[in-house]
C-alpha atoms as a PDB file:
ATOM      1  CA  PRO A   1     -61.955 -47.545 -39.274  1.00  0.00           C
ATOM      2  CA  GLN A   2     -63.347 -44.017 -38.601  1.00  0.00           C
ATOM      3  CA  SER A   3     -61.326 -41.512 -36.553  1.00  0.00           C
ATOM      4  CA  ARG A   4     -62.688 -40.039 -33.472  1.00  0.00           C
ATOM      5  CA  VAL A   5     -64.429 -36.715 -33.876  1.00  0.00           C
ATOM      6  CA  HIS A   6     -63.674 -33.816 -31.518  1.00  0.00           C
ATOM      7  CA  VAL A   7     -66.415 -31.199 -31.215  1.00  0.00           C
ATOM      8  CA  LEU A   8     -65.395 -27.612 -30.431  1.00  0.00           C
ATOM      9  CA  GLU A   9     -68.172 -25.422 -29.055  1.00  0.00           C
ATOM     10  CA  ALA A  10     -68.149 -21.603 -28.822  1.00  0.00           C
ATOM     11  CA  PRO A  11     -70.893 -19.228 -27.904  1.00  0.00           C
ATOM     12  CA  THR A  12     -71.953 -16.456 -30.327  1.00  0.00           C
ATOM     13  CA  LYS A  13     -73.103 -12.962 -29.603  1.00  0.00           C
ATOM     14  CA  ASP A  14     -76.738 -13.893 -29.992  1.00  0.00           C
ATOM     15  CA  GLY A  15     -76.502 -16.614 -27.412  1.00  0.00           C
ATOM     16  CA  ARG A  16     -76.415 -19.546 -29.775  1.00  0.00           C
ATOM     17  CA  ILE A  17     -73.812 -22.347 -29.757  1.00  0.00           C
ATOM     18  CA  PHE A  18     -71.417 -22.675 -32.649  1.00  0.00           C
ATOM     19  CA  CYS A  19     -70.122 -26.170 -33.063  1.00  0.00           C
ATOM     20  CA  VAL A  20     -67.278 -27.476 -35.228  1.00  0.00           C
ATOM     21  CA  GLY A  21     -66.434 -31.133 -35.610  1.00  0.00           C
ATOM     22  CA  LEU A  22     -62.767 -32.095 -36.167  1.00  0.00           C
ATOM     23  CA  SER A  23     -61.088 -35.429 -36.555  1.00  0.00           C
ATOM     24  CA  GLU A  24     -58.259 -36.606 -34.273  1.00  0.00           C
ATOM     25  CA  ASP A  25     -55.637 -36.046 -37.024  1.00  0.00           C
ATOM     26  CA  GLU A  26     -56.900 -32.528 -37.640  1.00  0.00           C
ATOM     27  CA  MET A  27     -56.659 -31.729 -33.899  1.00  0.00           C
ATOM     28  CA  LEU A  28     -53.086 -33.043 -33.860  1.00  0.00           C
ATOM     29  CA  ILE A  29     -52.149 -30.718 -36.753  1.00  0.00           C
ATOM     30  CA  ILE A  30     -53.692 -27.712 -34.980  1.00  0.00           C
ATOM     31  CA  LYS A  31     -51.669 -28.556 -31.727  1.00  0.00           C
ATOM     32  CA  TYR A  32     -48.479 -28.648 -33.736  1.00  0.00           C
ATOM     33  CA  LEU A  33     -49.229 -25.337 -35.401  1.00  0.00           C
ATOM     34  CA  TYR A  34     -50.030 -23.728 -32.072  1.00  0.00           C
ATOM     35  CA  PHE A  35     -46.797 -24.850 -30.361  1.00  0.00           C
ATOM     36  CA  GLY A  36     -44.765 -23.864 -33.498  1.00  0.00           C
ATOM     37  CA  VAL A  37     -46.192 -20.385 -33.409  1.00  0.00           C
ATOM     38  CA  VAL A  38     -45.430 -20.119 -29.675  1.00  0.00           C
ATOM     39  CA  LEU A  39     -41.775 -21.230 -30.261  1.00  0.00           C
ATOM     40  CA  VAL A  40     -41.248 -18.688 -33.101  1.00  0.00           C
ATOM     41  CA  ILE A  41     -42.636 -15.822 -30.980  1.00  0.00           C
ATOM     42  CA  GLY A  42     -40.426 -16.791 -28.014  1.00  0.00           C
ATOM     43  CA  ALA A  43     -37.321 -17.026 -30.215  1.00  0.00           C
ATOM     44  CA  LEU A  44     -38.046 -13.568 -31.683  1.00  0.00           C
ATOM     45  CA  PHE A  45     -38.553 -12.107 -28.162  1.00  0.00           C
ATOM     46  CA  ILE A  46     -35.234 -13.524 -26.981  1.00  0.00           C
ATOM     47  CA  THR A  47     -33.369 -12.213 -29.956  1.00  0.00           C
ATOM     48  CA  VAL A  48     -34.671  -8.715 -29.477  1.00  0.00           C
ATOM     49  CA  LEU A  49     -33.684  -8.705 -25.843  1.00  0.00           C
ATOM     50  CA  SER A  50     -30.222  -9.987 -26.386  1.00  0.00           C
ATOM     51  CA  THR A  51     -29.416  -7.429 -29.133  1.00  0.00           C
ATOM     52  CA  ASN A  52     -30.870  -4.583 -27.336  1.00  0.00           C
ATOM     53  CA  ALA A  53     -27.999  -3.938 -24.929  1.00  0.00           C
ATOM     54  CA  GLY A  54     -29.370  -0.600 -23.745  1.00  0.00           C
ATOM     55  CA  PHE A  55     -32.655  -2.338 -22.659  1.00  0.00           C
ATOM     56  CA  LEU A  56     -30.694  -5.048 -20.762  1.00  0.00           C
ATOM     57  CA  ARG A  57     -28.550  -2.429 -18.945  1.00  0.00           C
ATOM     58  CA  SER A  58     -31.514  -0.310 -17.890  1.00  0.00           C
ATOM     59  CA  SER A  59     -33.874  -3.210 -17.044  1.00  0.00           C
ATOM     60  CA  LYS A  60     -34.305  -3.781 -13.309  1.00  0.00           C
ATOM     61  CA  ILE A  61     -34.674  -7.493 -14.093  1.00  0.00           C
ATOM     62  CA  PHE A  62     -31.314  -7.831 -15.722  1.00  0.00           C
ATOM     63  CA  LYS A  63     -29.378  -5.180 -13.864  1.00  0.00           C
ATOM     64  CA  ILE A  64     -26.343  -6.653 -12.156  1.00  0.00           C
ATOM     65  CA  SER A  65     -24.221  -4.862  -9.579  1.00  0.00           C
ATOM     66  CA  SER A  66     -20.479  -4.569 -10.089  1.00  0.00           C
ATOM     67  CA  SER A  67     -19.751  -7.101  -7.338  1.00  0.00           C
ATOM     68  CA  ASP A  68     -22.161  -9.614  -8.789  1.00  0.00           C
ATOM     69  CA  ALA A  69     -20.591  -9.072 -12.162  1.00  0.00           C
ATOM     70  CA  ASP A  70     -17.190  -9.876 -10.728  1.00  0.00           C
ATOM     71  CA  GLY A  71     -18.458 -13.177  -9.567  1.00  0.00           C
ATOM     72  CA  LEU A  72     -19.773 -14.068 -12.992  1.00  0.00           C
ATOM     73  CA  VAL A  73     -16.371 -13.834 -14.665  1.00  0.00           C
ATOM     74  CA  SER A  74     -13.169 -15.550 -13.769  1.00  0.00           C
ATOM     75  CA  ASN A  75     -10.839 -13.473 -11.694  1.00  0.00           C
ATOM     76  CA  PRO A  76      -7.731 -12.396 -13.569  1.00  0.00           C
ATOM     77  CA  VAL A  77      -4.450 -13.770 -12.392  1.00  0.00           C
ATOM     78  CA  ARG A  78      -2.922 -11.335  -9.898  1.00  0.00           C
ATOM     79  CA  GLU A  79       0.255  -9.757 -11.011  1.00  0.00           C
ATOM     80  CA  PRO A  80       3.085 -10.470  -8.443  1.00  0.00           C
ATOM     81  CA  ARG A  81       4.402  -7.502  -6.510  1.00  0.00           C
ATOM     82  CA  LEU A  82       8.103  -6.982  -5.744  1.00  0.00           C
ATOM     83  CA  GLY A  83       7.118  -6.584  -2.065  1.00  0.00           C
ATOM     84  CA  ASP A  84       5.209  -9.879  -1.846  1.00  0.00           C
ATOM     85  CA  GLY A  85       6.445 -11.916   1.214  1.00  0.00           C
ATOM     86  CA  CYS A  86       8.028  -8.833   2.860  1.00  0.00           C
ATOM     87  CA  LEU A  87       6.968  -8.109   6.397  1.00  0.00           C
ATOM     88  CA  LEU A  88       9.417  -5.180   6.736  1.00  0.00           C
ATOM     89  CA  VAL A  89      10.323  -2.878   3.937  1.00  0.00           C
ATOM     90  CA  TYR A  90      13.050  -0.331   3.584  1.00  0.00           C
ATOM     91  CA  LEU A  91      12.965   2.104   0.633  1.00  0.00           C
ATOM     92  CA  ASP A  92      16.327   3.792   0.083  1.00  0.00           C
ATOM     93  CA  VAL A  93      15.276   6.464  -2.421  1.00  0.00           C
ATOM     94  CA  GLY A  94      18.418   8.053  -3.679  1.00  0.00           C
ATOM     95  CA  ALA A  95      20.665   5.137  -2.751  1.00  0.00           C
ATOM     96  CA  ASN A  96      23.926   6.148  -4.362  1.00  0.00           C
ATOM     97  CA  ILE A  97      26.121   3.042  -3.749  1.00  0.00           C
ATOM     98  CA  GLY A  98      23.617   1.494  -1.300  1.00  0.00           C
ATOM     99  CA  ILE A  99      25.384   2.147   1.989  1.00  0.00           C
ATOM    100  CA  HIS A 100      22.189   2.572   3.999  1.00  0.00           C
ATOM    101  CA  THR A 101      20.972  -0.867   3.054  1.00  0.00           C
ATOM    102  CA  ARG A 102      24.334  -2.149   4.514  1.00  0.00           C
ATOM    103  CA  PHE A 103      23.571  -0.173   7.630  1.00  0.00           C
ATOM    104  CA  LEU A 104      20.267  -2.081   7.876  1.00  0.00           C
ATOM    105  CA  PHE A 105      21.563  -5.553   7.027  1.00  0.00           C
ATOM    106  CA  GLU A 106      25.016  -5.383   8.546  1.00  0.00           C
ATOM    107  CA  PRO A 107      24.772  -2.955  11.504  1.00  0.00           C
ATOM    108  CA  GLU A 108      27.774  -4.537  13.200  1.00  0.00           C
ATOM    109  CA  MET A 109      29.924  -3.301  10.352  1.00  0.00           C
ATOM    110  CA  TYR A 110      28.992   0.342  11.055  1.00  0.00           C
ATOM    111  CA  PRO A 111      29.000   1.056  14.763  1.00  0.00           C
ATOM    112  CA  LYS A 112      29.500   4.786  14.334  1.00  0.00           C
ATOM    113  CA  VAL A 113      26.121   5.436  12.735  1.00  0.00           C
ATOM    114  CA  LYS A 114      24.131   4.873  15.989  1.00  0.00           C
ATOM    115  CA  HIS A 115      21.508   7.407  15.042  1.00  0.00           C
ATOM    116  CA  ILE A 116      20.621   5.415  11.966  1.00  0.00           C
ATOM    117  CA  HIS A 117      20.573   2.153  13.868  1.00  0.00           C
ATOM    118  CA  ASP A 118      18.228   3.832  16.383  1.00  0.00           C
ATOM    119  CA  ILE A 119      15.749   4.735  13.591  1.00  0.00           C
ATOM    120  CA  PHE A 120      15.749   1.150  12.280  1.00  0.00           C
ATOM    121  CA  ASN A 121      15.345  -0.346  15.750  1.00  0.00           C
ATOM    122  CA  HIS A 122      12.555   2.076  16.673  1.00  0.00           C
ATOM    123  CA  ASN A 123      10.572   1.466  13.462  1.00  0.00           C
ATOM    124  CA  LEU A 124      11.411  -2.114  12.421  1.00  0.00           C
ATOM    125  CA  GLY A 125      12.085  -3.578  15.917  1.00  0.00           C
ATOM    126  CA  LYS A 126      15.202  -4.691  17.721  1.00  0.00           C
ATOM    127  CA  THR A 127      14.268  -8.358  17.415  1.00  0.00           C
ATOM    128  CA  ARG A 128      13.852  -8.290  13.650  1.00  0.00           C
ATOM    129  CA  ASP A 129      15.290 -10.856  11.388  1.00  0.00           C
ATOM    130  CA  ASN A 130      16.954  -9.936   8.030  1.00  0.00           C
ATOM    131  CA  ARG A 131      15.030 -12.699   6.298  1.00  0.00           C
ATOM    132  CA  ASP A 132      11.815 -10.724   7.075  1.00  0.00           C
ATOM    133  CA  ILE A 133      13.205  -7.560   5.403  1.00  0.00           C
ATOM    134  CA  CYS A 134      13.055  -6.394   1.822  1.00  0.00           C
ATOM    135  CA  SER A 135      15.207  -3.354   0.816  1.00  0.00           C
ATOM    136  CA  PHE A 136      14.776  -1.447  -2.391  1.00  0.00           C
ATOM    137  CA  GLY A 137      17.471   0.978  -3.547  1.00  0.00           C
ATOM    138  CA  PHE A 138      16.329   3.609  -6.054  1.00  0.00           C
ATOM    139  CA  GLU A 139      19.388   5.018  -7.848  1.00  0.00           C
ATOM    140  CA  PRO A 140      19.336   6.430 -11.360  1.00  0.00           C
ATOM    141  CA  ASN A 141      23.099   6.731 -11.838  1.00  0.00           C
ATOM    142  CA  PRO A 142      24.227   3.946 -14.241  1.00  0.00           C
ATOM    143  CA  ALA A 143      27.731   4.107 -12.826  1.00  0.00           C
ATOM    144  CA  HIS A 144      26.465   2.215  -9.749  1.00  0.00           C
ATOM    145  CA  ILE A 145      24.466  -0.495 -11.460  1.00  0.00           C
ATOM    146  CA  GLU A 146      27.089  -3.142 -11.276  1.00  0.00           C
ATOM    147  CA  ARG A 147      27.727  -2.460  -7.538  1.00  0.00           C
ATOM    148  CA  HIS A 148      23.968  -2.879  -6.835  1.00  0.00           C
ATOM    149  CA  LYS A 149      23.893  -6.102  -8.782  1.00  0.00           C
ATOM    150  CA  GLN A 150      26.630  -7.413  -6.597  1.00  0.00           C
ATOM    151  CA  PHE A 151      24.679  -6.452  -3.506  1.00  0.00           C
ATOM    152  CA  GLU A 152      21.641  -8.322  -4.898  1.00  0.00           C
ATOM    153  CA  GLN A 153      23.604 -11.453  -5.446  1.00  0.00           C
ATOM    154  CA  HIS A 154      25.481 -11.283  -2.162  1.00  0.00           C
ATOM    155  CA  TYR A 155      22.354 -10.675  -0.037  1.00  0.00           C
ATOM    156  CA  SER A 156      20.449 -13.343  -2.000  1.00  0.00           C
ATOM    157  CA  ASN A 157      23.141 -15.920  -0.988  1.00  0.00           C
ATOM    158  CA  MET A 158      22.547 -14.885   2.604  1.00  0.00           C
ATOM    159  CA  GLY A 159      18.753 -15.442   2.288  1.00  0.00           C
ATOM    160  CA  TRP A 160      18.108 -11.627   2.347  1.00  0.00           C
ATOM    161  CA  ARG A 161      16.170  -9.600  -0.261  1.00  0.00           C
ATOM    162  CA  TYR A 162      17.639  -6.532  -1.894  1.00  0.00           C
ATOM    163  CA  LYS A 163      16.371  -5.004  -5.177  1.00  0.00           C
ATOM    164  CA  HIS A 164      18.000  -2.194  -7.135  1.00  0.00           C
ATOM    165  CA  ILE A 165      15.536  -0.036  -8.993  1.00  0.00           C
ATOM    166  CA  HIS A 166      17.523   1.835 -11.695  1.00  0.00           C
ATOM    167  CA  ALA A 167      15.379   5.015 -11.893  1.00  0.00           C
ATOM    168  CA  GLY A 168      14.954   8.418 -10.346  1.00  0.00           C
ATOM    169  CA  ALA A 169      11.991   9.149  -8.210  1.00  0.00           C
ATOM    170  CA  SER A 170       9.520  11.615  -9.421  1.00  0.00           C
ATOM    171  CA  ASP A 171       5.790  12.497  -9.505  1.00  0.00           C
ATOM    172  CA  HIS A 172       5.464  11.170 -13.054  1.00  0.00           C
ATOM    173  CA  ASP A 173       6.992   8.480 -15.355  1.00  0.00           C
ATOM    174  CA  GLY A 174       9.451   9.568 -18.061  1.00  0.00           C
ATOM    175  CA  ASN A 175      13.061  10.592 -18.433  1.00  0.00           C
ATOM    176  CA  LEU A 176      15.336  13.379 -17.182  1.00  0.00           C
ATOM    177  CA  THR A 177      18.820  14.629 -17.774  1.00  0.00           C
ATOM    178  CA  PHE A 178      21.274  14.345 -14.930  1.00  0.00           C
ATOM    179  CA  TRP A 179      24.915  15.496 -14.968  1.00  0.00           C
ATOM    180  CA  HIS A 180      28.118  13.633 -14.139  1.00  0.00           C
ATOM    181  CA  ARG A 181      30.649  15.967 -12.423  1.00  0.00           C
ATOM    182  CA  GLY A 182      33.817  13.925 -12.645  1.00  0.00           C
ATOM    183  CA  ASP A 183      33.814  12.973  -9.013  1.00  0.00           C
ATOM    184  CA  ALA A 184      34.003   9.193  -9.406  1.00  0.00           C
ATOM    185  CA  ASN A 185      36.567   9.123  -6.612  1.00  0.00           C
ATOM    186  CA  LYS A 186      33.773  10.311  -4.241  1.00  0.00           C
ATOM    187  CA  ASN A 187      31.201   7.705  -5.655  1.00  0.00           C
ATOM    188  CA  GLU A 188      29.702  10.472  -7.821  1.00  0.00           C
ATOM    189  CA  TRP A 189      27.943  12.151  -4.994  1.00  0.00           C
ATOM    190  CA  GLY A 190      27.603  15.167  -7.210  1.00  0.00           C
ATOM    191  CA  PHE A 191      25.568  13.359  -9.842  1.00  0.00           C
ATOM    192  CA  GLY A 192      22.484  15.644 -10.117  1.00  0.00           C
ATOM    193  CA  LEU A 193      20.088  17.775 -11.946  1.00  0.00           C
ATOM    194  CA  VAL A 194      22.167  20.933 -12.254  1.00  0.00           C
ATOM    195  CA  LYS A 195      25.069  21.491 -14.528  1.00  0.00           C
ATOM    196  CA  VAL A 196      27.831  23.088 -12.450  1.00  0.00           C
ATOM    197  CA  HIS A 197      30.927  22.922 -14.644  1.00  0.00           C
ATOM    198  CA  GLN A 198      31.581  23.188 -18.334  1.00  0.00           C
ATOM    199  CA  THR A 199      33.102  19.737 -18.141  1.00  0.00           C
ATOM    200  CA  ASP A 200      29.986  18.066 -16.694  1.00  0.00           C
ATOM    201  CA  THR A 201      28.551  15.482 -19.009  1.00  0.00           C
ATOM    202  CA  PRO A 202      24.868  14.702 -19.413  1.00  0.00           C
ATOM    203  CA  GLU A 203      23.155  11.363 -18.762  1.00  0.00           C
ATOM    204  CA  ALA A 204      19.451  10.699 -19.624  1.00  0.00           C
ATOM    205  CA  VAL A 205      17.949   8.547 -16.750  1.00  0.00           C
ATOM    206  CA  PRO A 206      14.518   6.940 -16.423  1.00  0.00           C
ATOM    207  CA  LEU A 207      12.020   8.305 -13.903  1.00  0.00           C
ATOM    208  CA  ILE A 208       9.180   6.448 -12.153  1.00  0.00           C
ATOM    209  CA  ARG A 209       6.201   7.846 -10.333  1.00  0.00           C
ATOM    210  CA  LEU A 210       7.144   6.912  -6.825  1.00  0.00           C
ATOM    211  CA  SER A 211       3.660   7.071  -5.239  1.00  0.00           C
ATOM    212  CA  GLN A 212       2.290   4.716  -7.807  1.00  0.00           C
ATOM    213  CA  TRP A 213       5.226   2.321  -7.450  1.00  0.00           C
ATOM    214  CA  ILE A 214       4.768   2.222  -3.685  1.00  0.00           C
ATOM    215  CA  LYS A 215       1.064   1.691  -3.902  1.00  0.00           C
ATOM    216  CA  HIS A 216       1.451  -1.212  -6.473  1.00  0.00           C
ATOM    217  CA  HIS A 217       4.516  -3.021  -5.043  1.00  0.00           C
ATOM    218  CA  ILE A 218       4.380  -2.259  -1.330  1.00  0.00           C
ATOM    219  CA  THR A 219       0.869  -1.194  -0.195  1.00  0.00           C
ATOM    220  CA  GLU A 220      -0.671  -4.030  -2.165  1.00  0.00           C
ATOM    221  CA  ARG A 221       1.934  -6.633  -1.218  1.00  0.00           C
ATOM    222  CA  LYS A 222       1.089  -9.980   0.345  1.00  0.00           C
ATOM    223  CA  LEU A 223       2.522 -10.338   3.790  1.00  0.00           C
ATOM    224  CA  PRO A 224       4.418 -13.470   4.574  1.00  0.00           C
ATOM    225  CA  GLN A 225       2.775 -16.492   6.283  1.00  0.00           C
ATOM    226  CA  ILE A 226       5.874 -17.361   8.226  1.00  0.00           C
ATOM    227  CA  VAL A 227       8.211 -14.897   9.954  1.00  0.00           C
ATOM    228  CA  HIS A 228      11.610 -15.345  11.623  1.00  0.00           C
ATOM    229  CA  GLY A 229      11.895 -12.540  14.103  1.00  0.00           C
ATOM    230  CA  GLU A 230       9.783 -11.438  16.957  1.00  0.00           C
ATOM    231  CA  TYR A 231       7.229  -8.679  16.345  1.00  0.00           C
ATOM    232  CA  ASP A 232       4.184  -7.134  17.937  1.00  0.00           C
ATOM    233  CA  GLU A 233       0.717  -7.901  16.715  1.00  0.00           C
ATOM    234  CA  THR A 234       0.323  -4.760  14.686  1.00  0.00           C
ATOM    235  CA  THR A 235       3.545  -5.375  12.722  1.00  0.00           C
ATOM    236  CA  LEU A 236       2.478  -8.963  11.992  1.00  0.00           C
ATOM    237  CA  LYS A 237      -0.938  -7.748  10.842  1.00  0.00           C
ATOM    238  CA  GLU A 238       0.122  -4.754   8.819  1.00  0.00           C
ATOM    239  CA  GLY A 239       3.858  -4.916   8.223  1.00  0.00           C
ATOM    240  CA  LYS A 240       6.167  -1.937   8.511  1.00  0.00           C
ATOM    241  CA  VAL A 241       7.721   0.441   5.920  1.00  0.00           C
ATOM    242  CA  VAL A 242      10.674   2.850   6.444  1.00  0.00           C
ATOM    243  CA  MET A 243      11.838   5.230   3.700  1.00  0.00           C
ATOM    244  CA  LYS A 244      14.870   7.421   3.300  1.00  0.00           C
ATOM    245  CA  LEU A 245      14.452  10.208   0.715  1.00  0.00           C
ATOM    246  CA  ASP A 246      17.477  11.947  -0.770  1.00  0.00           C
ATOM    247  CA  ILE A 247      16.762  13.017  -4.315  1.00  0.00           C
ATOM    248  CA  GLU A 248      18.727  16.059  -5.208  1.00  0.00           C
ATOM    249  CA  GLY A 249      16.406  18.666  -3.650  1.00  0.00           C
ATOM    250  CA  SER A 250      13.298  17.237  -5.385  1.00  0.00           C
ATOM    251  CA  GLU A 251      11.831  15.839  -2.141  1.00  0.00           C
ATOM    252  CA  VAL A 252       9.141  18.633  -2.029  1.00  0.00           C
END
């Protein structure tokens, strides 16, 4: 049987009609060729766009704001902060043997330091609960590490949170030489930056950038969902932080 004939007509410049007769099979071949050429050109166009990163970044069509870009990638897992779950925070910077944390957690044991109790009551509230408090003791003297570990364990057994930070506070991370002065009978209160006696012995201690530590672990902390004491709305919404700073004259 004969195939159907398709007639293609096209006008010429002189006004005549140019006609071409094609069979159905020939028309099918032409269609396949046409779509094949279109696919090849499209693939080449996409390849050029995807490899030209500069074009994509500058193109208004493909430009993505930073906030949109954050939504296109999975959010990284948040690193836990030492202050997570702490409504009230006490930073004892230059803690020595940690006595000020005891003033905070065990005020009944130290009735003579009323001025310190007044500071805690004014800033952290009289109706506070120790379970809502986190205390951090910064002390670089390795002679006191064991004592602070005992505090951590003892307070943990009570349901209270205390953390010893074995480092000196500074405006940069690093190390620094401190000096032991042979006053162990006075809890080494003289442990400091200056060599006073020929018998003083050096000790290299780690330093942390205090402002960065506070920003990371305290400012960015997650406040607790449940509290145990009674607090005003501002405290419940923002938390409270109290700091004592006693770092061998380096406070400024």
